[in-house]
N, C-alpha and C. Protein backbone atom coordinates (compact mmCIF):
# COMPACT_ATOMS: atom_id res chain seq x y z
N MET A 1 68.22 -139.88 95.67
CA MET A 1 69.06 -140.52 96.61
C MET A 1 68.06 -141.86 97.32
N ARG A 2 69.06 -142.84 97.82
CA ARG A 2 68.02 -144.12 97.64
C ARG A 2 68.44 -144.25 99.65
N ILE A 3 67.50 -144.40 100.05
CA ILE A 3 67.92 -144.90 101.99
C ILE A 3 67.14 -146.29 102.50
N GLU A 4 68.18 -147.66 102.30
CA GLU A 4 67.28 -148.41 103.02
C GLU A 4 67.35 -148.27 104.57
N VAL A 5 65.87 -148.95 105.01
CA VAL A 5 65.87 -148.76 106.17
C VAL A 5 65.62 -150.67 106.65
N ASP A 6 65.54 -151.32 107.50
CA ASP A 6 65.36 -151.84 107.79
C ASP A 6 63.52 -152.03 108.00
N ARG A 7 62.91 -152.19 107.62
CA ARG A 7 61.07 -152.38 108.29
C ARG A 7 60.54 -153.26 109.29
N ARG A 8 61.23 -153.84 109.56
CA ARG A 8 61.19 -154.90 111.27
C ARG A 8 61.19 -153.38 112.23
N THR A 9 61.85 -152.83 112.08
CA THR A 9 62.90 -152.38 113.23
C THR A 9 62.69 -150.43 113.20
N THR A 10 61.77 -149.86 111.71
CA THR A 10 61.91 -148.87 112.06
C THR A 10 60.25 -148.15 111.25
N ALA A 11 59.86 -147.03 111.89
CA ALA A 11 58.80 -146.65 111.71
C ALA A 11 58.59 -145.35 111.09
N ILE A 12 57.50 -144.90 110.47
CA ILE A 12 57.50 -143.72 110.00
C ILE A 12 56.35 -142.84 111.02
N LEU A 13 56.50 -141.38 112.10
CA LEU A 13 55.91 -140.86 112.82
C LEU A 13 55.68 -139.72 112.02
N VAL A 14 54.23 -140.04 112.14
CA VAL A 14 53.41 -138.46 111.35
C VAL A 14 52.85 -137.68 112.39
N LEU A 15 53.44 -137.04 112.74
CA LEU A 15 53.13 -135.91 113.83
C LEU A 15 51.68 -134.69 113.71
N ASP A 16 50.68 -134.50 114.16
CA ASP A 16 49.82 -133.25 113.89
C ASP A 16 49.85 -132.86 112.58
N LEU A 17 49.17 -133.62 111.51
CA LEU A 17 48.61 -133.58 110.15
C LEU A 17 47.08 -133.73 110.67
N SER A 18 46.51 -133.13 111.55
CA SER A 18 45.43 -133.15 111.81
C SER A 18 44.34 -133.03 110.23
N ALA A 19 42.79 -133.03 110.36
CA ALA A 19 41.80 -132.43 109.51
C ALA A 19 42.27 -130.76 109.84
N ARG A 20 42.94 -130.18 110.44
CA ARG A 20 42.90 -128.53 110.51
C ARG A 20 44.07 -127.98 109.21
N CYS A 21 44.71 -129.91 108.57
CA CYS A 21 45.79 -129.21 107.46
C CYS A 21 44.96 -129.33 106.33
N GLU A 22 43.85 -129.85 106.15
CA GLU A 22 42.49 -129.40 104.82
C GLU A 22 42.42 -127.69 104.69
N ASP A 23 42.37 -127.56 105.57
CA ASP A 23 42.63 -125.72 105.29
C ASP A 23 43.80 -125.26 104.23
N PRO A 24 43.14 -125.24 103.25
CA PRO A 24 44.42 -124.38 101.85
C PRO A 24 45.33 -123.09 102.71
N LYS A 25 44.57 -122.36 103.29
CA LYS A 25 45.23 -121.34 104.27
C LYS A 25 46.46 -121.59 104.85
N LEU A 26 46.28 -122.88 105.73
CA LEU A 26 47.42 -123.07 106.34
C LEU A 26 48.36 -123.63 106.09
N THR A 27 50.01 -123.41 106.57
CA THR A 27 51.28 -123.76 106.06
C THR A 27 51.07 -125.20 105.89
N CYS A 28 50.25 -125.95 106.67
CA CYS A 28 50.66 -127.76 106.79
C CYS A 28 49.95 -128.18 105.61
N HIS A 29 49.34 -127.31 104.81
CA HIS A 29 48.63 -127.62 104.15
C HIS A 29 49.54 -128.49 102.76
N ALA A 30 50.58 -127.11 102.62
CA ALA A 30 51.47 -127.98 101.06
C ALA A 30 52.37 -129.14 101.99
N LEU A 31 52.43 -129.34 103.00
CA LEU A 31 53.15 -130.92 103.18
C LEU A 31 52.14 -132.11 102.62
N LEU A 32 50.90 -131.99 102.66
CA LEU A 32 49.71 -133.04 102.45
C LEU A 32 50.40 -133.73 101.04
N PRO A 33 50.16 -133.47 100.08
CA PRO A 33 50.58 -134.39 98.91
C PRO A 33 52.02 -134.60 98.97
N GLY A 34 53.24 -134.36 99.38
CA GLY A 34 54.27 -135.03 99.59
C GLY A 34 54.27 -135.80 100.43
N VAL A 35 53.43 -135.63 101.99
CA VAL A 35 53.34 -137.10 103.15
C VAL A 35 52.00 -137.89 102.85
N ALA A 36 51.48 -137.96 101.69
CA ALA A 36 51.20 -138.80 101.29
C ALA A 36 51.34 -139.56 100.37
N GLY A 37 52.23 -139.16 99.19
CA GLY A 37 53.11 -139.77 98.54
C GLY A 37 53.99 -140.74 99.29
N PHE A 38 54.85 -139.67 100.43
CA PHE A 38 55.82 -140.97 100.63
C PHE A 38 55.29 -141.94 101.51
N LEU A 39 53.92 -141.48 102.43
CA LEU A 39 53.24 -142.89 102.85
C LEU A 39 52.96 -144.12 102.25
N GLU A 40 52.26 -143.65 100.98
CA GLU A 40 51.74 -144.80 100.03
C GLU A 40 53.16 -145.56 99.88
N LYS A 41 54.50 -145.16 99.24
CA LYS A 41 55.54 -145.92 99.38
C LYS A 41 56.28 -146.85 100.53
N ALA A 42 56.03 -145.61 101.64
CA ALA A 42 56.68 -146.81 103.23
C ALA A 42 54.97 -147.96 103.07
N ARG A 43 54.08 -147.93 103.17
CA ARG A 43 53.32 -149.02 103.81
C ARG A 43 53.49 -150.19 102.65
N ALA A 44 53.70 -149.26 100.90
CA ALA A 44 54.25 -150.87 100.38
C ALA A 44 55.08 -151.53 100.71
N ALA A 45 56.23 -150.65 101.36
CA ALA A 45 57.42 -151.41 101.61
C ALA A 45 57.34 -151.95 103.03
N GLY A 46 55.91 -152.09 103.63
CA GLY A 46 55.41 -153.33 104.88
C GLY A 46 56.28 -152.26 106.11
N ILE A 47 56.32 -150.74 105.85
CA ILE A 47 56.88 -150.17 106.55
C ILE A 47 55.56 -149.59 108.22
N LEU A 48 55.14 -149.45 109.43
CA LEU A 48 54.53 -148.84 110.04
C LEU A 48 54.37 -147.60 110.04
N VAL A 49 53.18 -147.23 110.11
CA VAL A 49 53.19 -145.88 110.56
C VAL A 49 52.59 -145.95 111.04
N VAL A 50 52.82 -144.14 112.07
CA VAL A 50 52.51 -144.15 113.13
C VAL A 50 51.64 -142.29 113.06
N PHE A 51 50.39 -142.52 113.81
CA PHE A 51 50.09 -140.82 113.64
C PHE A 51 50.05 -140.34 115.11
N SER A 52 49.66 -139.22 115.61
CA SER A 52 49.54 -138.58 116.33
C SER A 52 49.00 -137.08 115.85
N VAL A 53 47.70 -136.61 116.87
CA VAL A 53 47.16 -135.70 116.77
C VAL A 53 47.15 -135.09 118.15
N SER A 54 46.66 -133.45 118.44
CA SER A 54 47.31 -133.14 119.23
C SER A 54 45.77 -133.90 120.62
N ALA A 55 46.69 -133.67 121.53
CA ALA A 55 45.50 -134.45 122.76
C ALA A 55 44.62 -133.24 122.75
N SER A 56 45.07 -132.11 122.54
CA SER A 56 43.74 -130.94 122.92
C SER A 56 42.39 -131.48 122.37
N GLN A 57 42.61 -131.93 120.68
CA GLN A 57 41.40 -132.23 119.60
C GLN A 57 40.90 -133.26 120.00
N ARG A 58 41.15 -133.70 120.84
CA ARG A 58 40.66 -135.02 121.42
C ARG A 58 39.21 -134.52 121.30
N GLY A 59 38.29 -135.49 121.05
CA GLY A 59 36.48 -135.38 121.18
C GLY A 59 36.03 -134.17 120.15
N THR A 60 36.83 -134.08 118.84
CA THR A 60 36.77 -132.37 117.65
C THR A 60 36.42 -133.16 116.62
N PRO A 61 36.17 -132.50 115.64
CA PRO A 61 36.36 -133.06 114.49
C PRO A 61 37.79 -133.00 114.05
N MET A 62 38.72 -131.93 114.94
CA MET A 62 40.29 -131.81 114.26
C MET A 62 41.36 -133.07 114.98
N GLU A 63 40.57 -134.06 115.68
CA GLU A 63 41.26 -135.08 116.04
C GLU A 63 41.43 -135.97 114.93
N LYS A 64 40.94 -135.99 113.50
CA LYS A 64 40.81 -137.09 112.59
C LYS A 64 42.13 -136.38 111.61
N VAL A 65 42.99 -137.54 111.24
CA VAL A 65 44.52 -136.91 110.51
C VAL A 65 43.57 -136.62 109.25
N ALA A 66 44.38 -135.43 108.57
CA ALA A 66 44.18 -134.86 107.32
C ALA A 66 44.21 -135.92 106.52
N ARG A 67 43.01 -135.85 105.56
CA ARG A 67 42.57 -137.03 104.47
C ARG A 67 44.07 -137.16 103.82
N PRO A 68 44.55 -136.26 102.61
CA PRO A 68 45.47 -136.84 102.21
C PRO A 68 46.41 -137.56 102.77
N ALA A 69 46.87 -137.42 104.39
CA ALA A 69 47.72 -138.67 104.22
C ALA A 69 46.94 -139.51 105.60
N SER A 70 45.55 -139.49 105.18
CA SER A 70 45.10 -140.18 106.42
C SER A 70 45.55 -141.71 106.99
N ALA A 71 45.12 -142.43 107.72
CA ALA A 71 45.51 -143.79 108.26
C ALA A 71 44.49 -144.85 107.03
N GLN A 72 45.58 -146.11 107.06
CA GLN A 72 44.69 -146.66 106.28
C GLN A 72 44.78 -147.98 107.24
N GLY A 73 44.13 -148.39 108.43
CA GLY A 73 44.05 -149.67 108.92
C GLY A 73 45.18 -149.13 110.33
N GLU A 74 45.74 -148.06 110.20
CA GLU A 74 47.34 -147.67 111.38
C GLU A 74 45.63 -146.67 112.03
N ARG A 75 45.52 -146.52 113.48
CA ARG A 75 45.73 -145.80 114.29
C ARG A 75 46.05 -144.56 115.03
N ALA A 76 45.66 -143.24 115.29
CA ALA A 76 46.16 -142.32 115.70
C ALA A 76 46.39 -142.43 117.23
N GLY A 77 47.25 -142.13 117.55
CA GLY A 77 47.89 -141.55 118.97
C GLY A 77 47.67 -140.22 119.09
N TYR A 78 47.00 -140.04 120.75
CA TYR A 78 47.15 -138.31 121.22
C TYR A 78 48.83 -137.94 121.57
N LEU A 79 48.85 -137.13 121.49
CA LEU A 79 50.74 -136.68 122.15
C LEU A 79 50.19 -135.22 122.53
N SER A 80 50.69 -134.65 123.31
CA SER A 80 50.50 -133.20 123.90
C SER A 80 50.99 -132.23 123.17
N ASP A 81 50.61 -130.48 123.60
CA ASP A 81 50.31 -130.12 122.39
C ASP A 81 51.76 -129.18 122.37
N GLY A 82 53.09 -129.28 123.20
CA GLY A 82 53.93 -128.92 123.19
C GLY A 82 55.12 -129.49 121.78
N PHE A 83 56.01 -128.59 121.97
CA PHE A 83 57.08 -128.75 120.65
C PHE A 83 57.93 -130.11 120.84
N ASP A 84 57.83 -130.61 121.91
CA ASP A 84 58.93 -131.85 122.03
C ASP A 84 57.69 -132.87 122.70
N LYS A 85 57.55 -133.65 121.73
CA LYS A 85 56.51 -134.87 121.71
C LYS A 85 57.08 -136.45 121.97
N PHE A 86 57.78 -135.93 122.49
CA PHE A 86 59.18 -137.22 123.04
C PHE A 86 59.64 -136.96 124.38
N THR A 87 59.17 -135.96 125.19
CA THR A 87 59.41 -136.37 126.64
C THR A 87 58.13 -137.31 127.31
N GLU A 88 58.90 -137.50 128.77
CA GLU A 88 58.03 -138.62 129.29
C GLU A 88 56.45 -138.01 129.62
N GLU A 89 56.20 -136.73 129.89
CA GLU A 89 55.06 -135.83 130.21
C GLU A 89 54.29 -136.66 128.54
N ALA A 90 54.81 -136.17 127.58
CA ALA A 90 54.28 -135.88 126.52
C ALA A 90 53.66 -137.16 125.73
N CYS A 91 54.48 -138.31 126.05
CA CYS A 91 53.76 -139.55 125.44
C CYS A 91 52.99 -140.32 126.63
N SER A 92 52.97 -139.99 127.63
CA SER A 92 52.21 -140.38 128.44
C SER A 92 50.75 -140.20 128.41
N VAL A 93 49.98 -139.19 127.24
CA VAL A 93 48.93 -139.23 126.84
C VAL A 93 48.72 -140.17 125.71
N TYR A 94 49.78 -140.76 125.02
CA TYR A 94 49.14 -141.53 123.77
C TYR A 94 48.84 -142.86 124.44
């Protein structure tokens, strides 16, 4: 399937794929190869990639984005630890 997006108005949001996901015992670890490949294609198409990590991990080794999906010139922002990353409270942490 082919999906077309306008790279001027589209962004890929990568939420909570922090360094903790580098642990093969965690479920999120299985996502990393697919996400890394997808992000490579998105970057090649000139689409903005935005990362978030858990605000509670600020200042710890877990505030880094997982290496296989890691930022390439992009910075990670901090969002709340809740499930809904798009509430006013969650976005104010960024």
